[in-house]
Amino acid sequence: MNFFRVLRDRQEALIRTIGLTRFSREELHVAAEEPIEEDRDLNA
């Protein structure tokens, strides 16, 4: 199944599965605390 179809059609199942993924909460906290740097490649 295509990722975007799952994202569109099975949002709740995807969210639940991601929540059950090992280390997902820890990664979320790390990502939320990291400063956002501008991507040099996108600004070229």
N, C-alpha and C. Protein backbone atom coordinates (compact mmCIF):
# COMPACT_ATOMS: atom_id res chain seq x y z
N MET A 1 0.84 -1.18 0.00
CA MET A 1 0.00 0.00 0.00
C MET A 1 0.89 1.24 0.00
N ASN A 2 0.52 2.22 -0.74
CA ASN A 2 1.24 3.48 -0.86
C ASN A 2 1.15 4.27 0.45
N PHE A 3 2.28 4.84 0.87
CA PHE A 3 2.32 5.61 2.12
C PHE A 3 1.27 6.72 2.14
N PHE A 4 1.12 7.43 1.04
CA PHE A 4 0.19 8.55 1.02
C PHE A 4 -1.26 8.09 1.08
N ARG A 5 -1.55 6.92 0.56
CA ARG A 5 -2.91 6.37 0.71
C ARG A 5 -3.17 6.02 2.16
N VAL A 6 -2.18 5.43 2.80
CA VAL A 6 -2.33 5.11 4.23
C VAL A 6 -2.52 6.39 5.02
N LEU A 7 -1.72 7.40 4.71
CA LEU A 7 -1.83 8.68 5.40
C LEU A 7 -3.22 9.28 5.21
N ARG A 8 -3.75 9.16 4.02
CA ARG A 8 -5.06 9.73 3.72
C ARG A 8 -6.21 8.88 4.27
N ASP A 9 -6.13 7.56 4.08
CA ASP A 9 -7.27 6.69 4.35
C ASP A 9 -7.23 6.00 5.71
N ARG A 10 -6.06 5.87 6.29
CA ARG A 10 -5.95 5.11 7.54
C ARG A 10 -5.17 5.89 8.59
N GLN A 11 -5.53 7.15 8.76
CA GLN A 11 -4.79 8.03 9.66
C GLN A 11 -4.73 7.51 11.08
N GLU A 12 -5.86 7.08 11.61
CA GLU A 12 -5.90 6.63 13.00
C GLU A 12 -5.02 5.40 13.22
N ALA A 13 -5.07 4.46 12.29
CA ALA A 13 -4.23 3.25 12.40
C ALA A 13 -2.76 3.62 12.30
N LEU A 14 -2.42 4.55 11.42
CA LEU A 14 -1.04 4.98 11.28
C LEU A 14 -0.55 5.66 12.55
N ILE A 15 -1.35 6.55 13.11
CA ILE A 15 -0.99 7.24 14.35
C ILE A 15 -0.80 6.24 15.48
N ARG A 16 -1.70 5.29 15.60
CA ARG A 16 -1.60 4.27 16.65
C ARG A 16 -0.33 3.43 16.47
N THR A 17 -0.04 3.05 15.23
CA THR A 17 1.14 2.23 14.96
C THR A 17 2.42 3.00 15.24
N ILE A 18 2.46 4.25 14.84
CA ILE A 18 3.64 5.07 15.12
C ILE A 18 3.82 5.24 16.63
N GLY A 19 2.74 5.41 17.33
CA GLY A 19 2.80 5.55 18.79
C GLY A 19 3.33 4.32 19.47
N LEU A 20 3.11 3.16 18.87
CA LEU A 20 3.59 1.91 19.44
C LEU A 20 5.01 1.57 19.01
N THR A 21 5.52 2.34 18.07
CA THR A 21 6.87 2.09 17.57
C THR A 21 7.88 2.39 18.67
N ARG A 22 8.79 1.49 18.82
CA ARG A 22 9.80 1.62 19.85
C ARG A 22 10.57 2.93 19.69
N PHE A 23 10.78 3.61 20.77
CA PHE A 23 11.54 4.86 20.83
C PHE A 23 10.82 6.05 20.20
N SER A 24 9.60 5.91 19.74
CA SER A 24 8.95 7.02 19.05
C SER A 24 8.77 8.24 19.95
N ARG A 25 8.41 8.04 21.21
CA ARG A 25 8.22 9.18 22.10
C ARG A 25 9.54 9.88 22.39
N GLU A 26 10.59 9.10 22.60
CA GLU A 26 11.90 9.67 22.86
C GLU A 26 12.37 10.48 21.65
N GLU A 27 12.19 9.96 20.46
CA GLU A 27 12.59 10.67 19.25
C GLU A 27 11.79 11.95 19.07
N LEU A 28 10.51 11.91 19.40
CA LEU A 28 9.67 13.11 19.31
C LEU A 28 10.21 14.20 20.23
N HIS A 29 10.54 13.84 21.46
CA HIS A 29 11.07 14.83 22.41
C HIS A 29 12.40 15.39 21.94
N VAL A 30 13.27 14.53 21.42
CA VAL A 30 14.57 14.99 20.91
C VAL A 30 14.36 15.94 19.74
N ALA A 31 13.48 15.58 18.82
CA ALA A 31 13.23 16.42 17.64
C ALA A 31 12.62 17.76 18.04
N ALA A 32 11.76 17.75 19.04
CA ALA A 32 11.10 18.98 19.47
C ALA A 32 12.08 19.93 20.15
N GLU A 33 13.12 19.37 20.77
CA GLU A 33 14.08 20.20 21.50
C GLU A 33 15.21 20.71 20.62
N GLU A 34 15.45 20.09 19.48
CA GLU A 34 16.54 20.49 18.61
C GLU A 34 16.20 21.80 17.90
N PRO A 35 17.15 22.72 17.84
CA PRO A 35 16.89 23.97 17.10
C PRO A 35 16.77 23.68 15.61
N ILE A 36 15.92 24.43 14.96
CA ILE A 36 15.72 24.26 13.52
C ILE A 36 16.75 25.10 12.78
N GLU A 37 17.52 24.45 11.93
CA GLU A 37 18.50 25.16 11.12
C GLU A 37 17.96 25.27 9.70
N GLU A 38 18.29 26.36 9.06
CA GLU A 38 17.87 26.50 7.67
C GLU A 38 18.62 25.51 6.82
N ASP A 39 17.92 24.90 5.91
CA ASP A 39 18.56 23.94 5.01
C ASP A 39 19.21 24.71 3.87
N ARG A 40 20.51 24.67 3.83
CA ARG A 40 21.25 25.42 2.80
C ARG A 40 20.88 25.00 1.39
N ASP A 41 20.58 23.71 1.21
CA ASP A 41 20.24 23.22 -0.13
C ASP A 41 18.92 23.80 -0.62
N LEU A 42 17.98 24.04 0.28
CA LEU A 42 16.70 24.58 -0.14
C LEU A 42 16.77 26.07 -0.44
N ASN A 43 17.76 26.73 0.12
CA ASN A 43 17.89 28.17 -0.08
C ASN A 43 18.77 28.52 -1.26
N ALA A 44 19.28 27.53 -1.96
CA ALA A 44 20.21 27.79 -3.08
C ALA A 44 19.47 28.32 -4.28
